[in-house]
Amino acid sequence: MEVSHTLTNLIIFVLAIYVGYHVVWTVTPALHTPLMAVTNAISAIIIVGAMLAAGLTEGALAQVMGTLAVALAAVNVFGGFLVTQRMLEMFKKKEPKAPAKTDSKEAQ
């Protein structure tokens, strides 16, 4: 008896979602920035794989799916960079505000 490749891929996909969900939600807040950096690196690898899938296939459906995968992975990478930048800005020291200067006419 032979198991369908589609069924095998679907099982792997569901398990990856399950494991990914539990890994991400148990990360402490101090590790969110490094996790985002790793996620961006993985998404960059996915972009390369999706470009290969889109370019090396002959079927129209496979090319469309590969192109869609490239677009979604690109959105994920750029969104990850934006989130990482916002998180890193939270740790920057804020400069104290300078006292407001008064006009010489208003002071009189």
N, C-alpha and C. Protein backbone atom coordinates (compact mmCIF):
# COMPACT_ATOMS: atom_id res chain seq x y z
N MET A 1 0.85 -1.19 0.00
CA MET A 1 0.00 0.00 0.00
C MET A 1 0.89 1.24 0.00
N GLU A 2 0.61 2.14 -0.90
CA GLU A 2 1.41 3.35 -1.05
C GLU A 2 0.60 4.55 -0.56
N VAL A 3 1.26 5.40 0.25
CA VAL A 3 0.61 6.59 0.78
C VAL A 3 0.80 7.73 -0.22
N SER A 4 -0.23 8.48 -0.44
CA SER A 4 -0.19 9.60 -1.38
C SER A 4 0.81 10.66 -0.91
N HIS A 5 1.54 11.24 -1.86
CA HIS A 5 2.48 12.31 -1.52
C HIS A 5 1.74 13.55 -1.02
N THR A 6 0.56 13.77 -1.56
CA THR A 6 -0.23 14.91 -1.12
C THR A 6 -0.64 14.76 0.34
N LEU A 7 -1.03 13.56 0.73
CA LEU A 7 -1.41 13.31 2.12
C LEU A 7 -0.20 13.47 3.05
N THR A 8 0.94 12.98 2.63
CA THR A 8 2.17 13.12 3.42
C THR A 8 2.52 14.60 3.59
N ASN A 9 2.47 15.35 2.51
CA ASN A 9 2.77 16.79 2.58
C ASN A 9 1.77 17.53 3.46
N LEU A 10 0.50 17.14 3.39
CA LEU A 10 -0.52 17.78 4.23
C LEU A 10 -0.27 17.50 5.71
N ILE A 11 0.11 16.28 6.04
CA ILE A 11 0.40 15.93 7.44
C ILE A 11 1.60 16.72 7.93
N ILE A 12 2.64 16.82 7.13
CA ILE A 12 3.82 17.61 7.52
C ILE A 12 3.44 19.07 7.71
N PHE A 13 2.61 19.61 6.83
CA PHE A 13 2.17 21.00 6.94
C PHE A 13 1.40 21.24 8.23
N VAL A 14 0.48 20.36 8.56
CA VAL A 14 -0.31 20.52 9.79
C VAL A 14 0.58 20.40 11.03
N LEU A 15 1.51 19.46 11.03
CA LEU A 15 2.43 19.33 12.16
C LEU A 15 3.33 20.56 12.30
N ALA A 16 3.76 21.12 11.17
CA ALA A 16 4.59 22.33 11.22
C ALA A 16 3.82 23.50 11.81
N ILE A 17 2.55 23.62 11.46
CA ILE A 17 1.72 24.69 12.03
C ILE A 17 1.58 24.49 13.54
N TYR A 18 1.32 23.27 13.96
CA TYR A 18 1.15 22.97 15.38
C TYR A 18 2.43 23.28 16.17
N VAL A 19 3.55 22.78 15.69
CA VAL A 19 4.83 23.00 16.39
C VAL A 19 5.19 24.48 16.37
N GLY A 20 5.01 25.14 15.23
CA GLY A 20 5.32 26.57 15.13
C GLY A 20 4.50 27.40 16.08
N TYR A 21 3.22 27.08 16.19
CA TYR A 21 2.34 27.82 17.11
C TYR A 21 2.84 27.70 18.54
N HIS A 22 3.16 26.50 18.96
CA HIS A 22 3.60 26.30 20.35
C HIS A 22 4.99 26.87 20.61
N VAL A 23 5.85 26.85 19.63
CA VAL A 23 7.19 27.43 19.82
C VAL A 23 7.10 28.94 19.95
N VAL A 24 6.33 29.57 19.07
CA VAL A 24 6.27 31.04 19.07
C VAL A 24 5.58 31.56 20.34
N TRP A 25 4.50 30.92 20.78
CA TRP A 25 3.76 31.43 21.93
C TRP A 25 4.44 31.15 23.26
N THR A 26 5.46 30.29 23.30
CA THR A 26 6.16 30.05 24.56
C THR A 26 7.48 30.80 24.66
N VAL A 27 7.77 31.65 23.69
CA VAL A 27 9.02 32.43 23.71
C VAL A 27 8.87 33.58 24.70
N THR A 28 9.90 33.78 25.51
CA THR A 28 9.88 34.92 26.45
C THR A 28 10.04 36.21 25.67
N PRO A 29 9.53 37.32 26.18
CA PRO A 29 9.61 38.60 25.44
C PRO A 29 11.05 39.02 25.11
N ALA A 30 12.01 38.64 25.92
CA ALA A 30 13.40 39.03 25.65
C ALA A 30 13.95 38.37 24.39
N LEU A 31 13.34 37.28 23.96
CA LEU A 31 13.85 36.57 22.80
C LEU A 31 13.06 36.84 21.52
N HIS A 32 12.12 37.76 21.56
CA HIS A 32 11.30 38.02 20.38
C HIS A 32 12.12 38.58 19.22
N THR A 33 13.05 39.51 19.51
CA THR A 33 13.84 40.11 18.43
C THR A 33 14.73 39.08 17.75
N PRO A 34 15.47 38.24 18.49
CA PRO A 34 16.25 37.20 17.78
C PRO A 34 15.36 36.22 17.02
N LEU A 35 14.19 35.93 17.56
CA LEU A 35 13.28 35.03 16.86
C LEU A 35 12.82 35.65 15.55
N MET A 36 12.54 36.94 15.55
CA MET A 36 12.14 37.62 14.32
C MET A 36 13.28 37.59 13.30
N ALA A 37 14.51 37.75 13.76
CA ALA A 37 15.65 37.71 12.84
C ALA A 37 15.77 36.33 12.19
N VAL A 38 15.58 35.28 12.96
CA VAL A 38 15.64 33.93 12.41
C VAL A 38 14.48 33.69 11.46
N THR A 39 13.31 34.19 11.81
CA THR A 39 12.15 34.04 10.94
C THR A 39 12.37 34.74 9.61
N ASN A 40 13.00 35.91 9.64
CA ASN A 40 13.30 36.61 8.40
C ASN A 40 14.28 35.82 7.56
N ALA A 41 15.26 35.19 8.19
CA ALA A 41 16.23 34.39 7.44
C ALA A 41 15.55 33.18 6.80
N ILE A 42 14.66 32.54 7.54
CA ILE A 42 13.93 31.39 6.99
C ILE A 42 13.04 31.83 5.83
N SER A 43 12.39 32.98 5.96
CA SER A 43 11.54 33.47 4.88
C SER A 43 12.37 33.80 3.64
N ALA A 44 13.58 34.29 3.83
CA ALA A 44 14.45 34.57 2.69
C ALA A 44 14.80 33.28 1.96
N ILE A 45 15.01 32.21 2.70
CA ILE A 45 15.28 30.91 2.07
C ILE A 45 14.03 30.41 1.34
N ILE A 46 12.88 30.67 1.92
CA ILE A 46 11.62 30.28 1.28
C ILE A 46 11.45 31.03 -0.05
N ILE A 47 11.85 32.29 -0.08
CA ILE A 47 11.76 33.07 -1.32
C ILE A 47 12.59 32.41 -2.41
N VAL A 48 13.81 32.00 -2.07
CA VAL A 48 14.67 31.35 -3.06
C VAL A 48 14.03 30.06 -3.55
N GLY A 49 13.51 29.25 -2.64
CA GLY A 49 12.84 28.01 -3.03
C GLY A 49 11.61 28.26 -3.88
N ALA A 50 10.85 29.28 -3.53
CA ALA A 50 9.64 29.61 -4.30
C ALA A 50 10.00 30.11 -5.69
N MET A 51 11.09 30.87 -5.80
CA MET A 51 11.52 31.31 -7.13
C MET A 51 11.94 30.12 -7.99
N LEU A 52 12.63 29.17 -7.38
CA LEU A 52 13.00 27.96 -8.11
C LEU A 52 11.76 27.18 -8.53
N ALA A 53 10.80 27.07 -7.61
CA ALA A 53 9.57 26.34 -7.94
C ALA A 53 8.81 27.02 -9.06
N ALA A 54 8.77 28.34 -9.03
CA ALA A 54 8.03 29.08 -10.06
C ALA A 54 8.76 29.03 -11.41
N GLY A 55 10.07 29.04 -11.36
CA GLY A 55 10.83 29.10 -12.60
C GLY A 55 11.09 27.77 -13.26
N LEU A 56 11.18 26.70 -12.49
CA LEU A 56 11.56 25.41 -13.04
C LEU A 56 10.38 24.50 -13.38
N THR A 57 9.18 24.92 -13.06
CA THR A 57 8.02 24.08 -13.36
C THR A 57 7.47 24.43 -14.73
N GLU A 58 6.75 23.48 -15.29
CA GLU A 58 6.18 23.69 -16.63
C GLU A 58 4.69 23.98 -16.58
N GLY A 59 4.03 23.56 -15.53
CA GLY A 59 2.59 23.77 -15.44
C GLY A 59 2.25 25.20 -15.04
N ALA A 60 1.16 25.71 -15.56
CA ALA A 60 0.74 27.08 -15.26
C ALA A 60 0.34 27.22 -13.79
N LEU A 61 -0.35 26.21 -13.24
CA LEU A 61 -0.79 26.27 -11.85
C LEU A 61 0.41 26.32 -10.91
N ALA A 62 1.42 25.51 -11.20
CA ALA A 62 2.62 25.49 -10.36
C ALA A 62 3.36 26.82 -10.42
N GLN A 63 3.40 27.43 -11.59
CA GLN A 63 4.06 28.73 -11.72
C GLN A 63 3.31 29.82 -10.96
N VAL A 64 1.99 29.76 -11.03
CA VAL A 64 1.18 30.73 -10.29
C VAL A 64 1.36 30.54 -8.79
N MET A 65 1.35 29.30 -8.33
CA MET A 65 1.53 29.02 -6.90
C MET A 65 2.93 29.44 -6.44
N GLY A 66 3.95 29.19 -7.28
CA GLY A 66 5.30 29.62 -6.94
C GLY A 66 5.42 31.13 -6.86
N THR A 67 4.78 31.81 -7.79
CA THR A 67 4.80 33.29 -7.77
C THR A 67 4.06 33.81 -6.54
N LEU A 68 2.95 33.19 -6.19
CA LEU A 68 2.21 33.58 -4.99
C LEU A 68 3.06 33.34 -3.74
N ALA A 69 3.79 32.23 -3.72
CA ALA A 69 4.66 31.94 -2.58
C ALA A 69 5.77 32.98 -2.46
N VAL A 70 6.32 33.41 -3.59
CA VAL A 70 7.35 34.47 -3.56
C VAL A 70 6.77 35.75 -2.98
N ALA A 71 5.58 36.13 -3.44
CA ALA A 71 4.96 37.36 -2.97
C ALA A 71 4.65 37.30 -1.47
N LEU A 72 4.08 36.19 -1.01
CA LEU A 72 3.74 36.09 0.41
C LEU A 72 4.99 36.05 1.30
N ALA A 73 6.02 35.35 0.85
CA ALA A 73 7.26 35.31 1.63
C ALA A 73 7.92 36.68 1.68
N ALA A 74 7.85 37.43 0.57
CA ALA A 74 8.42 38.78 0.55
C ALA A 74 7.68 39.70 1.53
N VAL A 75 6.35 39.60 1.56
CA VAL A 75 5.57 40.38 2.53
C VAL A 75 5.99 40.01 3.95
N ASN A 76 6.19 38.73 4.19
CA ASN A 76 6.59 38.27 5.51
C ASN A 76 7.97 38.82 5.90
N VAL A 77 8.91 38.83 4.96
CA VAL A 77 10.25 39.34 5.26
C VAL A 77 10.20 40.83 5.58
N PHE A 78 9.55 41.62 4.72
CA PHE A 78 9.50 43.06 4.95
C PHE A 78 8.71 43.40 6.21
N GLY A 79 7.62 42.70 6.45
CA GLY A 79 6.87 42.91 7.70
C GLY A 79 7.69 42.56 8.92
N GLY A 80 8.47 41.49 8.82
CA GLY A 80 9.35 41.10 9.93
C GLY A 80 10.40 42.15 10.22
N PHE A 81 10.96 42.75 9.16
CA PHE A 81 11.94 43.81 9.37
C PHE A 81 11.31 45.03 10.03
N LEU A 82 10.09 45.37 9.63
CA LEU A 82 9.41 46.51 10.25
C LEU A 82 9.12 46.25 11.72
N VAL A 83 8.66 45.05 12.04
CA VAL A 83 8.37 44.71 13.44
C VAL A 83 9.66 44.72 14.26
N THR A 84 10.73 44.15 13.72
CA THR A 84 12.00 44.13 14.42
C THR A 84 12.50 45.54 14.68
N GLN A 85 12.38 46.41 13.67
CA GLN A 85 12.81 47.79 13.85
C GLN A 85 12.02 48.49 14.95
N ARG A 86 10.71 48.28 14.97
CA ARG A 86 9.89 48.89 16.03
C ARG A 86 10.27 48.37 17.41
N MET A 87 10.56 47.06 17.48
CA MET A 87 10.93 46.49 18.77
C MET A 87 12.27 47.03 19.24
N LEU A 88 13.22 47.19 18.34
CA LEU A 88 14.52 47.72 18.73
C LEU A 88 14.44 49.19 19.14
N GLU A 89 13.53 49.94 18.53
CA GLU A 89 13.35 51.34 18.91
C GLU A 89 12.82 51.47 20.33
N MET A 90 12.12 50.47 20.82
CA MET A 90 11.61 50.51 22.20
C MET A 90 12.75 50.50 23.21
N PHE A 91 13.90 49.96 22.84
CA PHE A 91 15.01 49.86 23.78
C PHE A 91 15.96 51.05 23.71
N LYS A 92 15.76 51.97 22.78
CA LYS A 92 16.61 53.15 22.69
C LYS A 92 16.27 54.12 23.80
N LYS A 93 17.31 54.80 24.29
CA LYS A 93 17.08 55.82 25.31
C LYS A 93 16.47 57.04 24.65
N LYS A 94 15.49 57.59 25.32
CA LYS A 94 14.84 58.78 24.79
C LYS A 94 15.58 60.00 25.32
N GLU A 95 15.81 60.96 24.42
CA GLU A 95 16.49 62.19 24.83
C GLU A 95 15.52 63.06 25.61
N PRO A 96 16.04 63.71 26.67
CA PRO A 96 15.15 64.59 27.45
C PRO A 96 14.72 65.78 26.59
N LYS A 97 13.51 66.20 26.80
CA LYS A 97 12.99 67.32 26.03
C LYS A 97 13.62 68.62 26.52
N ALA A 98 14.00 69.47 25.57
CA ALA A 98 14.59 70.77 25.92
C ALA A 98 13.48 71.69 26.41
N PRO A 99 13.80 72.57 27.36
CA PRO A 99 12.76 73.50 27.83
C PRO A 99 12.34 74.42 26.68
N ALA A 100 11.08 74.75 26.68
CA ALA A 100 10.53 75.59 25.62
C ALA A 100 11.08 77.00 25.73
N LYS A 101 11.50 77.55 24.59
CA LYS A 101 12.00 78.93 24.57
C LYS A 101 10.84 79.88 24.50
N THR A 102 10.92 80.96 25.25
CA THR A 102 9.85 81.96 25.23
C THR A 102 10.28 83.14 24.40
N ASP A 103 9.33 83.75 23.74
CA ASP A 103 9.61 84.96 22.95
C ASP A 103 9.88 86.11 23.89
N SER A 104 10.75 87.04 23.47
CA SER A 104 11.07 88.18 24.33
C SER A 104 9.86 89.10 24.46
N LYS A 105 9.00 89.16 23.44
CA LYS A 105 7.81 90.01 23.52
C LYS A 105 6.79 89.43 24.49
N GLU A 106 6.67 88.10 24.50
CA GLU A 106 5.71 87.47 25.40
C GLU A 106 6.14 87.60 26.86
N ALA A 107 7.45 87.65 27.11
CA ALA A 107 7.94 87.71 28.48
C ALA A 107 7.71 89.09 29.09
N GLN A 108 7.53 90.11 28.25
CA GLN A 108 7.36 91.46 28.78
C GLN A 108 5.98 91.75 29.17
